[in-house]
Amino acid sequence: MKLPEEGFLLRVFVGETDSYKGKALYEQIVLKARELNLAGATVIRGIMGFGAHSRIHTAKLLRLSEDLPIVVELVDTEENLNKIIPFLDETVDEGLITMEKARVIKYRHGNRD
């Protein structure tokens, strides 16, 4: 797959304990992205943050069981990323979804066929 130089970055901010159909929501988003043949997805676990309720979530030693912030990043064309928006509308009850232009410098896998 080749990405154009002007791609898009879709970010989904959710909580670590958010779930959908018995699985972690971030995992379900990645699986859906793969099913839709998007270029790639990365899940990032935050060590501290807050959202719409202004409640602090932190990974401090005595509070490891807190609902830490999770960011799922997806990069592809705007057209391809729009394919996952209906799924996100259905599954993200609380959180934030953003999309912005991203300049793609390089996108390749290790095999040089």
PDB file of N, CA and C in Angstrom:
ATOM      1  N   MET A   1       0.840  -1.180   0.000  1.00  0.00           N
ATOM      2  CA  MET A   1       0.000   0.000   0.000  1.00  0.00           C
ATOM      3  C   MET A   1       0.884   1.242   0.000  1.00  0.00           C
ATOM      4  N   LYS A   2       0.505   2.206  -0.786  1.00  0.00           N
ATOM      5  CA  LYS A   2       1.241   3.470  -0.832  1.00  0.00           C
ATOM      6  C   LYS A   2       0.321   4.574  -0.331  1.00  0.00           C
ATOM      7  N   LEU A   3       0.870   5.414   0.520  1.00  0.00           N
ATOM      8  CA  LEU A   3       0.116   6.559   1.023  1.00  0.00           C
ATOM      9  C   LEU A   3       0.585   7.814   0.307  1.00  0.00           C
ATOM     10  N   PRO A   4      -0.348   8.703  -0.021  1.00  0.00           N
ATOM     11  CA  PRO A   4       0.071   9.977  -0.604  1.00  0.00           C
ATOM     12  C   PRO A   4       0.797  10.815   0.453  1.00  0.00           C
ATOM     13  N   GLU A   5       1.568  11.798   0.005  1.00  0.00           N
ATOM     14  CA  GLU A   5       2.301  12.635   0.952  1.00  0.00           C
ATOM     15  C   GLU A   5       1.358  13.348   1.916  1.00  0.00           C
ATOM     16  N   GLU A   6       0.193  13.764   1.440  1.00  0.00           N
ATOM     17  CA  GLU A   6      -0.775  14.389   2.337  1.00  0.00           C
ATOM     18  C   GLU A   6      -1.778  13.351   2.800  1.00  0.00           C
ATOM     19  N   GLY A   7      -1.559  12.854   4.013  1.00  0.00           N
ATOM     20  CA  GLY A   7      -2.474  11.903   4.625  1.00  0.00           C
ATOM     21  C   GLY A   7      -3.250  12.595   5.725  1.00  0.00           C
ATOM     22  N   PHE A   8      -3.922  11.806   6.513  1.00  0.00           N
ATOM     23  CA  PHE A   8      -4.678  12.325   7.650  1.00  0.00           C
ATOM     24  C   PHE A   8      -4.412  11.471   8.869  1.00  0.00           C
ATOM     25  N   LEU A   9      -4.476  12.094  10.027  1.00  0.00           N
ATOM     26  CA  LEU A   9      -4.274  11.435  11.306  1.00  0.00           C
ATOM     27  C   LEU A   9      -5.580  11.522  12.081  1.00  0.00           C
ATOM     28  N   LEU A  10      -6.128  10.360  12.421  1.00  0.00           N
ATOM     29  CA  LEU A  10      -7.343  10.278  13.219  1.00  0.00           C
ATOM     30  C   LEU A  10      -6.930   9.817  14.610  1.00  0.00           C
ATOM     31  N   ARG A  11      -7.305  10.586  15.633  1.00  0.00           N
ATOM     32  CA  ARG A  11      -6.984  10.221  17.017  1.00  0.00           C
ATOM     33  C   ARG A  11      -8.289   9.968  17.769  1.00  0.00           C
ATOM     34  N   VAL A  12      -8.294   8.884  18.526  1.00  0.00           N
ATOM     35  CA  VAL A  12      -9.443   8.532  19.348  1.00  0.00           C
ATOM     36  C   VAL A  12      -8.964   8.461  20.797  1.00  0.00           C
ATOM     37  N   PHE A  13      -9.497   9.319  21.636  1.00  0.00           N
ATOM     38  CA  PHE A  13      -9.131   9.369  23.052  1.00  0.00           C
ATOM     39  C   PHE A  13     -10.229   8.683  23.856  1.00  0.00           C
ATOM     40  N   VAL A  14      -9.882   7.607  24.541  1.00  0.00           N
ATOM     41  CA  VAL A  14     -10.844   6.864  25.356  1.00  0.00           C
ATOM     42  C   VAL A  14     -10.185   6.487  26.681  1.00  0.00           C
ATOM     43  N   GLY A  15     -10.920   5.819  27.522  1.00  0.00           N
ATOM     44  CA  GLY A  15     -10.384   5.330  28.786  1.00  0.00           C
ATOM     45  C   GLY A  15      -9.946   3.882  28.657  1.00  0.00           C
ATOM     46  N   GLU A  16      -8.993   3.509  29.465  1.00  0.00           N
ATOM     47  CA  GLU A  16      -8.451   2.155  29.430  1.00  0.00           C
ATOM     48  C   GLU A  16      -9.503   1.093  29.728  1.00  0.00           C
ATOM     49  N   THR A  17     -10.476   1.419  30.561  1.00  0.00           N
ATOM     50  CA  THR A  17     -11.487   0.424  30.924  1.00  0.00           C
ATOM     51  C   THR A  17     -12.711   0.458  30.006  1.00  0.00           C
ATOM     52  N   ASP A  18     -12.753   1.366  29.039  1.00  0.00           N
ATOM     53  CA  ASP A  18     -13.877   1.400  28.100  1.00  0.00           C
ATOM     54  C   ASP A  18     -13.899   0.107  27.294  1.00  0.00           C
ATOM     55  N   SER A  19     -15.104  -0.433  27.111  1.00  0.00           N
ATOM     56  CA  SER A  19     -15.202  -1.702  26.388  1.00  0.00           C
ATOM     57  C   SER A  19     -16.351  -1.677  25.395  1.00  0.00           C
ATOM     58  N   TYR A  20     -16.301  -2.646  24.498  1.00  0.00           N
ATOM     59  CA  TYR A  20     -17.348  -2.825  23.495  1.00  0.00           C
ATOM     60  C   TYR A  20     -17.442  -4.317  23.216  1.00  0.00           C
ATOM     61  N   LYS A  21     -18.620  -4.873  23.420  1.00  0.00           N
ATOM     62  CA  LYS A  21     -18.864  -6.301  23.207  1.00  0.00           C
ATOM     63  C   LYS A  21     -17.859  -7.174  23.956  1.00  0.00           C
ATOM     64  N   GLY A  22     -17.591  -6.802  25.205  1.00  0.00           N
ATOM     65  CA  GLY A  22     -16.761  -7.637  26.071  1.00  0.00           C
ATOM     66  C   GLY A  22     -15.258  -7.527  25.879  1.00  0.00           C
ATOM     67  N   LYS A  23     -14.804  -6.664  24.980  1.00  0.00           N
ATOM     68  CA  LYS A  23     -13.371  -6.472  24.764  1.00  0.00           C
ATOM     69  C   LYS A  23     -13.024  -4.997  24.964  1.00  0.00           C
ATOM     70  N   ALA A  24     -11.757  -4.748  25.218  1.00  0.00           N
ATOM     71  CA  ALA A  24     -11.304  -3.369  25.361  1.00  0.00           C
ATOM     72  C   ALA A  24     -11.650  -2.581  24.101  1.00  0.00           C
ATOM     73  N   LEU A  25     -12.199  -1.383  24.286  1.00  0.00           N
ATOM     74  CA  LEU A  25     -12.609  -0.556  23.144  1.00  0.00           C
ATOM     75  C   LEU A  25     -11.437  -0.266  22.221  1.00  0.00           C
ATOM     76  N   TYR A  26     -10.264   0.064  22.792  1.00  0.00           N
ATOM     77  CA  TYR A  26      -9.110   0.357  21.932  1.00  0.00           C
ATOM     78  C   TYR A  26      -8.758  -0.844  21.054  1.00  0.00           C
ATOM     79  N   GLU A  27      -8.894  -2.047  21.601  1.00  0.00           N
ATOM     80  CA  GLU A  27      -8.616  -3.257  20.809  1.00  0.00           C
ATOM     81  C   GLU A  27      -9.635  -3.415  19.686  1.00  0.00           C
ATOM     82  N   GLN A  28     -10.901  -3.166  19.988  1.00  0.00           N
ATOM     83  CA  GLN A  28     -11.946  -3.270  18.973  1.00  0.00           C
ATOM     84  C   GLN A  28     -11.733  -2.257  17.849  1.00  0.00           C
ATOM     85  N   ILE A  29     -11.248  -1.058  18.189  1.00  0.00           N
ATOM     86  CA  ILE A  29     -10.981  -0.040  17.170  1.00  0.00           C
ATOM     87  C   ILE A  29      -9.860  -0.493  16.252  1.00  0.00           C
ATOM     88  N   VAL A  30      -8.790  -1.045  16.823  1.00  0.00           N
ATOM     89  CA  VAL A  30      -7.671  -1.534  16.011  1.00  0.00           C
ATOM     90  C   VAL A  30      -8.117  -2.684  15.109  1.00  0.00           C
ATOM     91  N   LEU A  31      -8.898  -3.602  15.647  1.00  0.00           N
ATOM     92  CA  LEU A  31      -9.384  -4.731  14.841  1.00  0.00           C
ATOM     93  C   LEU A  31     -10.274  -4.247  13.696  1.00  0.00           C
ATOM     94  N   LYS A  32     -11.113  -3.241  13.968  1.00  0.00           N
ATOM     95  CA  LYS A  32     -11.976  -2.687  12.913  1.00  0.00           C
ATOM     96  C   LYS A  32     -11.130  -1.988  11.850  1.00  0.00           C
ATOM     97  N   ALA A  33     -10.099  -1.257  12.279  1.00  0.00           N
ATOM     98  CA  ALA A  33      -9.208  -0.579  11.325  1.00  0.00           C
ATOM     99  C   ALA A  33      -8.541  -1.601  10.416  1.00  0.00           C
ATOM    100  N   ARG A  34      -8.116  -2.707  10.993  1.00  0.00           N
ATOM    101  CA  ARG A  34      -7.479  -3.769  10.188  1.00  0.00           C
ATOM    102  C   ARG A  34      -8.488  -4.386   9.220  1.00  0.00           C
ATOM    103  N   GLU A  35      -9.692  -4.631   9.711  1.00  0.00           N
ATOM    104  CA  GLU A  35     -10.754  -5.178   8.865  1.00  0.00           C
ATOM    105  C   GLU A  35     -11.033  -4.267   7.669  1.00  0.00           C
ATOM    106  N   LEU A  36     -10.944  -2.955   7.886  1.00  0.00           N
ATOM    107  CA  LEU A  36     -11.196  -1.975   6.826  1.00  0.00           C
ATOM    108  C   LEU A  36      -9.959  -1.701   5.965  1.00  0.00           C
ATOM    109  N   ASN A  37      -8.877  -2.430   6.235  1.00  0.00           N
ATOM    110  CA  ASN A  37      -7.622  -2.293   5.491  1.00  0.00           C
ATOM    111  C   ASN A  37      -7.029  -0.891   5.570  1.00  0.00           C
ATOM    112  N   LEU A  38      -7.153  -0.263   6.733  1.00  0.00           N
ATOM    113  CA  LEU A  38      -6.515   1.033   6.914  1.00  0.00           C
ATOM    114  C   LEU A  38      -5.004   0.825   6.980  1.00  0.00           C
ATOM    115  N   ALA A  39      -4.259   1.879   6.747  1.00  0.00           N
ATOM    116  CA  ALA A  39      -2.799   1.769   6.643  1.00  0.00           C
ATOM    117  C   ALA A  39      -2.144   1.309   7.942  1.00  0.00           C
ATOM    118  N   GLY A  40      -2.679   1.714   9.093  1.00  0.00           N
ATOM    119  CA  GLY A  40      -2.082   1.288  10.344  1.00  0.00           C
ATOM    120  C   GLY A  40      -2.755   1.926  11.536  1.00  0.00           C
ATOM    121  N   ALA A  41      -2.493   1.352  12.706  1.00  0.00           N
ATOM    122  CA  ALA A  41      -3.056   1.858  13.949  1.00  0.00           C
ATOM    123  C   ALA A  41      -2.049   1.656  15.067  1.00  0.00           C
ATOM    124  N   THR A  42      -2.014   2.594  15.995  1.00  0.00           N
ATOM    125  CA  THR A  42      -1.152   2.501  17.163  1.00  0.00           C
ATOM    126  C   THR A  42      -1.954   2.888  18.388  1.00  0.00           C
ATOM    127  N   VAL A  43      -1.787   2.122  19.470  1.00  0.00           N
ATOM    128  CA  VAL A  43      -2.445   2.423  20.731  1.00  0.00           C
ATOM    129  C   VAL A  43      -1.390   2.936  21.703  1.00  0.00           C
ATOM    130  N   ILE A  44      -1.665   4.091  22.301  1.00  0.00           N
ATOM    131  CA  ILE A  44      -0.740   4.719  23.242  1.00  0.00           C
ATOM    132  C   ILE A  44      -1.452   4.852  24.591  1.00  0.00           C
ATOM    133  N   ARG A  45      -0.777   4.378  25.638  1.00  0.00           N
ATOM    134  CA  ARG A  45      -1.343   4.458  26.987  1.00  0.00           C
ATOM    135  C   ARG A  45      -0.748   5.673  27.694  1.00  0.00           C
ATOM    136  N   GLY A  46      -1.606   6.552  28.129  1.00  0.00           N
ATOM    137  CA  GLY A  46      -1.150   7.749  28.829  1.00  0.00           C
ATOM    138  C   GLY A  46      -0.861   7.467  30.290  1.00  0.00           C
ATOM    139  N   ILE A  47       0.025   8.259  30.877  1.00  0.00           N
ATOM    140  CA  ILE A  47       0.310   8.095  32.297  1.00  0.00           C
ATOM    141  C   ILE A  47      -0.473   9.077  33.153  1.00  0.00           C
ATOM    142  N   MET A  48      -1.070  10.082  32.495  1.00  0.00           N
ATOM    143  CA  MET A  48      -1.895  11.028  33.228  1.00  0.00           C
ATOM    144  C   MET A  48      -2.743  11.826  32.246  1.00  0.00           C
ATOM    145  N   GLY A  49      -3.938  12.214  32.674  1.00  0.00           N
ATOM    146  CA  GLY A  49      -4.782  13.028  31.823  1.00  0.00           C
ATOM    147  C   GLY A  49      -6.128  13.295  32.462  1.00  0.00           C
ATOM    148  N   PHE A  50      -6.943  14.095  31.772  1.00  0.00           N
ATOM    149  CA  PHE A  50      -8.331  14.310  32.171  1.00  0.00           C
ATOM    150  C   PHE A  50      -9.127  14.609  30.932  1.00  0.00           C
ATOM    151  N   GLY A  51     -10.431  14.434  31.056  1.00  0.00           N
ATOM    152  CA  GLY A  51     -11.308  14.648  29.910  1.00  0.00           C
ATOM    153  C   GLY A  51     -12.469  15.546  30.263  1.00  0.00           C
ATOM    154  N   ALA A  52     -13.605  15.294  29.648  1.00  0.00           N
ATOM    155  CA  ALA A  52     -14.775  16.161  29.766  1.00  0.00           C
ATOM    156  C   ALA A  52     -15.271  16.307  31.203  1.00  0.00           C
ATOM    157  N   HIS A  53     -15.091  15.274  32.027  1.00  0.00           N
ATOM    158  CA  HIS A  53     -15.544  15.335  33.423  1.00  0.00           C
ATOM    159  C   HIS A  53     -14.515  15.993  34.335  1.00  0.00           C
ATOM    160  N   SER A  54     -13.353  16.354  33.792  1.00  0.00           N
ATOM    161  CA  SER A  54     -12.259  16.997  34.536  1.00  0.00           C
ATOM    162  C   SER A  54     -11.735  16.152  35.690  1.00  0.00           C
ATOM    163  N   ARG A  55     -11.965  14.847  35.659  1.00  0.00           N
ATOM    164  CA  ARG A  55     -11.439  13.943  36.681  1.00  0.00           C
ATOM    165  C   ARG A  55     -10.041  13.503  36.263  1.00  0.00           C
ATOM    166  N   ILE A  56      -9.056  13.674  37.131  1.00  0.00           N
ATOM    167  CA  ILE A  56      -7.673  13.306  36.829  1.00  0.00           C
ATOM    168  C   ILE A  56      -7.520  11.792  36.851  1.00  0.00           C
ATOM    169  N   HIS A  57      -6.865  11.267  35.836  1.00  0.00           N
ATOM    170  CA  HIS A  57      -6.500   9.848  35.754  1.00  0.00           C
ATOM    171  C   HIS A  57      -4.983   9.810  35.768  1.00  0.00           C
ATOM    172  N   THR A  58      -4.410   8.993  36.651  1.00  0.00           N
ATOM    173  CA  THR A  58      -2.955   8.969  36.755  1.00  0.00           C
ATOM    174  C   THR A  58      -2.438   7.570  37.055  1.00  0.00           C
ATOM    175  N   ALA A  59      -1.189   7.319  36.699  1.00  0.00           N
ATOM    176  CA  ALA A  59      -0.559   6.018  36.915  1.00  0.00           C
ATOM    177  C   ALA A  59       0.369   6.051  38.119  1.00  0.00           C
ATOM    178  N   LYS A  60       0.108   6.925  39.073  1.00  0.00           N
ATOM    179  CA  LYS A  60       0.954   6.982  40.264  1.00  0.00           C
ATOM    180  C   LYS A  60       0.935   5.631  40.969  1.00  0.00           C
ATOM    181  N   LEU A  61       2.019   5.320  41.634  1.00  0.00           N
ATOM    182  CA  LEU A  61       2.246   4.004  42.227  1.00  0.00           C
ATOM    183  C   LEU A  61       1.056   3.454  43.006  1.00  0.00           C
ATOM    184  N   LEU A  62       0.447   4.242  43.855  1.00  0.00           N
ATOM    185  CA  LEU A  62      -0.640   3.747  44.698  1.00  0.00           C
ATOM    186  C   LEU A  62      -1.989   3.723  43.995  1.00  0.00           C
ATOM    187  N   ARG A  63      -2.016   4.175  42.737  1.00  0.00           N
ATOM    188  CA  ARG A  63      -3.287   4.250  42.015  1.00  0.00           C
ATOM    189  C   ARG A  63      -3.206   3.544  40.668  1.00  0.00           C
ATOM    190  N   LEU A  64      -2.538   2.390  40.613  1.00  0.00           N
ATOM    191  CA  LEU A  64      -2.334   1.696  39.337  1.00  0.00           C
ATOM    192  C   LEU A  64      -3.629   1.199  38.700  1.00  0.00           C
ATOM    193  N   SER A  65      -4.675   1.073  39.496  1.00  0.00           N
ATOM    194  CA  SER A  65      -5.923   0.545  38.949  1.00  0.00           C
ATOM    195  C   SER A  65      -6.807   1.613  38.318  1.00  0.00           C
ATOM    196  N   GLU A  66      -6.329   2.856  38.261  1.00  0.00           N
ATOM    197  CA  GLU A  66      -7.124   3.929  37.673  1.00  0.00           C
ATOM    198  C   GLU A  66      -7.406   3.668  36.195  1.00  0.00           C
ATOM    199  N   ASP A  67      -8.398   4.327  35.686  1.00  0.00           N
ATOM    200  CA  ASP A  67      -8.796   4.253  34.277  1.00  0.00           C
ATOM    201  C   ASP A  67      -7.903   5.203  33.478  1.00  0.00           C
ATOM    202  N   LEU A  68      -6.748   4.719  33.051  1.00  0.00           N
ATOM    203  CA  LEU A  68      -5.767   5.578  32.377  1.00  0.00           C
ATOM    204  C   LEU A  68      -6.230   5.966  30.977  1.00  0.00           C
ATOM    205  N   PRO A  69      -5.745   7.110  30.472  1.00  0.00           N
ATOM    206  CA  PRO A  69      -6.111   7.535  29.122  1.00  0.00           C
ATOM    207  C   PRO A  69      -5.448   6.662  28.059  1.00  0.00           C
ATOM    208  N   ILE A  70      -6.189   6.417  27.009  1.00  0.00           N
ATOM    209  CA  ILE A  70      -5.709   5.655  25.856  1.00  0.00           C
ATOM    210  C   ILE A  70      -5.948   6.502  24.611  1.00  0.00           C
ATOM    211  N   VAL A  71      -4.942   6.553  23.734  1.00  0.00           N
ATOM    212  CA  VAL A  71      -5.089   7.236  22.453  1.00  0.00           C
ATOM    213  C   VAL A  71      -4.843   6.209  21.357  1.00  0.00           C
ATOM    214  N   VAL A  72      -5.787   6.081  20.441  1.00  0.00           N
ATOM    215  CA  VAL A  72      -5.611   5.230  19.268  1.00  0.00           C
ATOM    216  C   VAL A  72      -5.359   6.171  18.099  1.00  0.00           C
ATOM    217  N   GLU A  73      -4.210   6.003  17.437  1.00  0.00           N
ATOM    218  CA  GLU A  73      -3.873   6.839  16.278  1.00  0.00           C
ATOM    219  C   GLU A  73      -3.958   6.005  15.007  1.00  0.00           C
ATOM    220  N   LEU A  74      -4.632   6.552  14.021  1.00  0.00           N
ATOM    221  CA  LEU A  74      -4.797   5.908  12.718  1.00  0.00           C
ATOM    222  C   LEU A  74      -4.347   6.895  11.653  1.00  0.00           C
ATOM    223  N   VAL A  75      -3.517   6.456  10.721  1.00  0.00           N
ATOM    224  CA  VAL A  75      -3.062   7.317   9.629  1.00  0.00           C
ATOM    225  C   VAL A  75      -3.433   6.661   8.303  1.00  0.00           C
ATOM    226  N   ASP A  76      -4.050   7.428   7.439  1.00  0.00           N
ATOM    227  CA  ASP A  76      -4.421   6.939   6.111  1.00  0.00           C
ATOM    228  C   ASP A  76      -4.918   8.146   5.322  1.00  0.00           C
ATOM    229  N   THR A  77      -5.576   7.895   4.221  1.00  0.00           N
ATOM    230  CA  THR A  77      -6.209   8.974   3.467  1.00  0.00           C
ATOM    231  C   THR A  77      -7.494   9.380   4.191  1.00  0.00           C
ATOM    232  N   GLU A  78      -7.957  10.582   3.942  1.00  0.00           N
ATOM    233  CA  GLU A  78      -9.205  11.027   4.562  1.00  0.00           C
ATOM    234  C   GLU A  78     -10.358  10.109   4.172  1.00  0.00           C
ATOM    235  N   GLU A  79     -10.390   9.733   2.912  1.00  0.00           N
ATOM    236  CA  GLU A  79     -11.454   8.850   2.414  1.00  0.00           C
ATOM    237  C   GLU A  79     -11.473   7.527   3.182  1.00  0.00           C
ATOM    238  N   ASN A  80     -10.306   6.915   3.370  1.00  0.00           N
ATOM    239  CA  ASN A  80     -10.254   5.641   4.084  1.00  0.00           C
ATOM    240  C   ASN A  80     -10.599   5.796   5.563  1.00  0.00           C
ATOM    241  N   LEU A  81     -10.122   6.863   6.194  1.00  0.00           N
ATOM    242  CA  LEU A  81     -10.428   7.071   7.608  1.00  0.00           C
ATOM    243  C   LEU A  81     -11.915   7.312   7.831  1.00  0.00           C
ATOM    244  N   ASN A  82     -12.566   7.925   6.868  1.00  0.00           N
ATOM    245  CA  ASN A  82     -14.006   8.158   6.994  1.00  0.00           C
ATOM    246  C   ASN A  82     -14.799   6.855   7.068  1.00  0.00           C
ATOM    247  N   LYS A  83     -14.221   5.756   6.612  1.00  0.00           N
ATOM    248  CA  LYS A  83     -14.903   4.454   6.671  1.00  0.00           C
ATOM    249  C   LYS A  83     -15.083   3.958   8.100  1.00  0.00           C
ATOM    250  N   ILE A  84     -14.215   4.384   9.012  1.00  0.00           N
ATOM    251  CA  ILE A  84     -14.307   3.901  10.396  1.00  0.00           C
ATOM    252  C   ILE A  84     -15.153   4.818  11.280  1.00  0.00           C
ATOM    253  N   ILE A  85     -15.511   5.990  10.790  1.00  0.00           N
ATOM    254  CA  ILE A  85     -16.270   6.955  11.591  1.00  0.00           C
ATOM    255  C   ILE A  85     -17.614   6.388  12.072  1.00  0.00           C
ATOM    256  N   PRO A  86     -18.400   5.704  11.238  1.00  0.00           N
ATOM    257  CA  PRO A  86     -19.664   5.143  11.751  1.00  0.00           C
ATOM    258  C   PRO A  86     -19.441   4.160  12.907  1.00  0.00           C
ATOM    259  N   PHE A  87     -18.395   3.362  12.835  1.00  0.00           N
ATOM    260  CA  PHE A  87     -18.072   2.428  13.922  1.00  0.00           C
ATOM    261  C   PHE A  87     -17.729   3.205  15.190  1.00  0.00           C
ATOM    262  N   LEU A  88     -16.946   4.270  15.050  1.00  0.00           N
ATOM    263  CA  LEU A  88     -16.573   5.074  16.216  1.00  0.00           C
ATOM    264  C   LEU A  88     -17.796   5.772  16.807  1.00  0.00           C
ATOM    265  N   ASP A  89     -18.698   6.252  15.961  1.00  0.00           N
ATOM    266  CA  ASP A  89     -19.933   6.878  16.448  1.00  0.00           C
ATOM    267  C   ASP A  89     -20.736   5.894  17.296  1.00  0.00           C
ATOM    268  N   GLU A  90     -20.733   4.643  16.886  1.00  0.00           N
ATOM    269  CA  GLU A  90     -21.485   3.596  17.594  1.00  0.00           C
ATOM    270  C   GLU A  90     -20.818   3.178  18.899  1.00  0.00           C
ATOM    271  N   THR A  91     -19.485   3.152  18.939  1.00  0.00           N
ATOM    272  CA  THR A  91     -18.780   2.527  20.056  1.00  0.00           C
ATOM    273  C   THR A  91     -18.189   3.480  21.085  1.00  0.00           C
ATOM    274  N   VAL A  92     -17.873   4.700  20.707  1.00  0.00           N
ATOM    275  CA  VAL A  92     -17.243   5.641  21.635  1.00  0.00           C
ATOM    276  C   VAL A  92     -18.340   6.442  22.334  1.00  0.00           C
ATOM    277  N   ASP A  93     -18.696   6.008  23.550  1.00  0.00           N
ATOM    278  CA  ASP A  93     -19.732   6.701  24.324  1.00  0.00           C
ATOM    279  C   ASP A  93     -19.170   7.942  25.000  1.00  0.00           C
ATOM    280  N   GLU A  94     -17.940   7.831  25.513  1.00  0.00           N
ATOM    281  CA  GLU A  94     -17.261   8.951  26.155  1.00  0.00           C
ATOM    282  C   GLU A  94     -15.864   9.038  25.586  1.00  0.00           C
ATOM    283  N   GLY A  95     -15.440  10.226  25.235  1.00  0.00           N
ATOM    284  CA  GLY A  95     -14.100  10.382  24.685  1.00  0.00           C
ATOM    285  C   GLY A  95     -14.051  11.543  23.715  1.00  0.00           C
ATOM    286  N   LEU A  96     -13.015  11.545  22.919  1.00  0.00           N
ATOM    287  CA  LEU A  96     -12.785  12.615  21.951  1.00  0.00           C
ATOM    288  C   LEU A  96     -12.227  11.991  20.685  1.00  0.00           C
ATOM    289  N   ILE A  97     -12.678  12.470  19.549  1.00  0.00           N
ATOM    290  CA  ILE A  97     -12.176  12.008  18.256  1.00  0.00           C
ATOM    291  C   ILE A  97     -11.752  13.241  17.473  1.00  0.00           C
ATOM    292  N   THR A  98     -10.511  13.237  16.968  1.00  0.00           N
ATOM    293  CA  THR A  98     -10.022  14.361  16.173  1.00  0.00           C
ATOM    294  C   THR A  98      -9.437  13.841  14.865  1.00  0.00           C
ATOM    295  N   MET A  99      -9.401  14.719  13.861  1.00  0.00           N
ATOM    296  CA  MET A  99      -8.753  14.376  12.597  1.00  0.00           C
ATOM    297  C   MET A  99      -8.013  15.613  12.104  1.00  0.00           C
ATOM    298  N   GLU A 100      -6.808  15.394  11.628  1.00  0.00           N
ATOM    299  CA  GLU A 100      -6.001  16.501  11.112  1.00  0.00           C
ATOM    300  C   GLU A 100      -5.147  16.014   9.954  1.00  0.00           C
ATOM    301  N   LYS A 101      -4.707  16.965   9.157  1.00  0.00           N
ATOM    302  CA  LYS A 101      -3.797  16.642   8.058  1.00  0.00           C
ATOM    303  C   LYS A 101      -2.460  16.204   8.629  1.00  0.00           C
ATOM    304  N   ALA A 102      -1.844  15.250   7.948  1.00  0.00           N
ATOM    305  CA  ALA A 102      -0.523  14.765   8.368  1.00  0.00           C
ATOM    306  C   ALA A 102       0.341  14.580   7.129  1.00  0.00           C
ATOM    307  N   ARG A 103       1.531  15.110   7.164  1.00  0.00           N
ATOM    308  CA  ARG A 103       2.472  14.926   6.056  1.00  0.00           C
ATOM    309  C   ARG A 103       3.159  13.579   6.223  1.00  0.00           C
ATOM    310  N   VAL A 104       2.959  12.694   5.279  1.00  0.00           N
ATOM    311  CA  VAL A 104       3.539  11.349   5.326  1.00  0.00           C
ATOM    312  C   VAL A 104       4.936  11.411   4.713  1.00  0.00           C
ATOM    313  N   ILE A 105       5.938  11.146   5.518  1.00  0.00           N
ATOM    314  CA  ILE A 105       7.320  11.166   5.056  1.00  0.00           C
ATOM    315  C   ILE A 105       7.694   9.818   4.437  1.00  0.00           C
ATOM    316  N   LYS A 106       7.352   8.747   5.144  1.00  0.00           N
ATOM    317  CA  LYS A 106       7.684   7.414   4.655  1.00  0.00           C
ATOM    318  C   LYS A 106       6.694   6.413   5.229  1.00  0.00           C
ATOM    319  N   TYR A 107       6.276   5.455   4.401  1.00  0.00           N
ATOM    320  CA  TYR A 107       5.394   4.377   4.845  1.00  0.00           C
ATOM    321  C   TYR A 107       5.763   3.149   4.042  1.00  0.00           C
ATOM    322  N   ARG A 108       6.473   2.223   4.661  1.00  0.00           N
ATOM    323  CA  ARG A 108       6.818   0.979   3.976  1.00  0.00           C
ATOM    324  C   ARG A 108       7.054  -0.126   4.981  1.00  0.00           C
ATOM    325  N   HIS A 109       6.974  -1.345   4.481  1.00  0.00           N
ATOM    326  CA  HIS A 109       7.286  -2.501   5.321  1.00  0.00           C
ATOM    327  C   HIS A 109       8.691  -2.978   5.017  1.00  0.00           C
ATOM    328  N   GLY A 110       9.190  -3.920   5.815  1.00  0.00           N
ATOM    329  CA  GLY A 110      10.572  -4.360   5.714  1.00  0.00           C
ATOM    330  C   GLY A 110      10.951  -5.102   4.460  1.00  0.00           C
ATOM    331  N   ASN A 111      10.008  -5.778   3.801  1.00  0.00           N
ATOM    332  CA  ASN A 111      10.303  -6.533   2.578  1.00  0.00           C
ATOM    333  C   ASN A 111      10.510  -5.581   1.414  1.00  0.00           C
ATOM    334  N   ARG A 112      11.584  -5.765   0.723  1.00  0.00           N
ATOM    335  CA  ARG A 112      11.855  -4.923  -0.461  1.00  0.00           C
ATOM    336  C   ARG A 112      11.727  -5.796  -1.701  1.00  0.00           C
ATOM    337  N   ASP A 113      10.476  -6.054  -2.096  1.00  0.00           N
ATOM    338  CA  ASP A 113      10.206  -6.928  -3.254  1.00  0.00           C
ATOM    339  C   ASP A 113      10.566  -6.257  -4.559  1.00  0.00           C
TER     340      ASP A 113
END
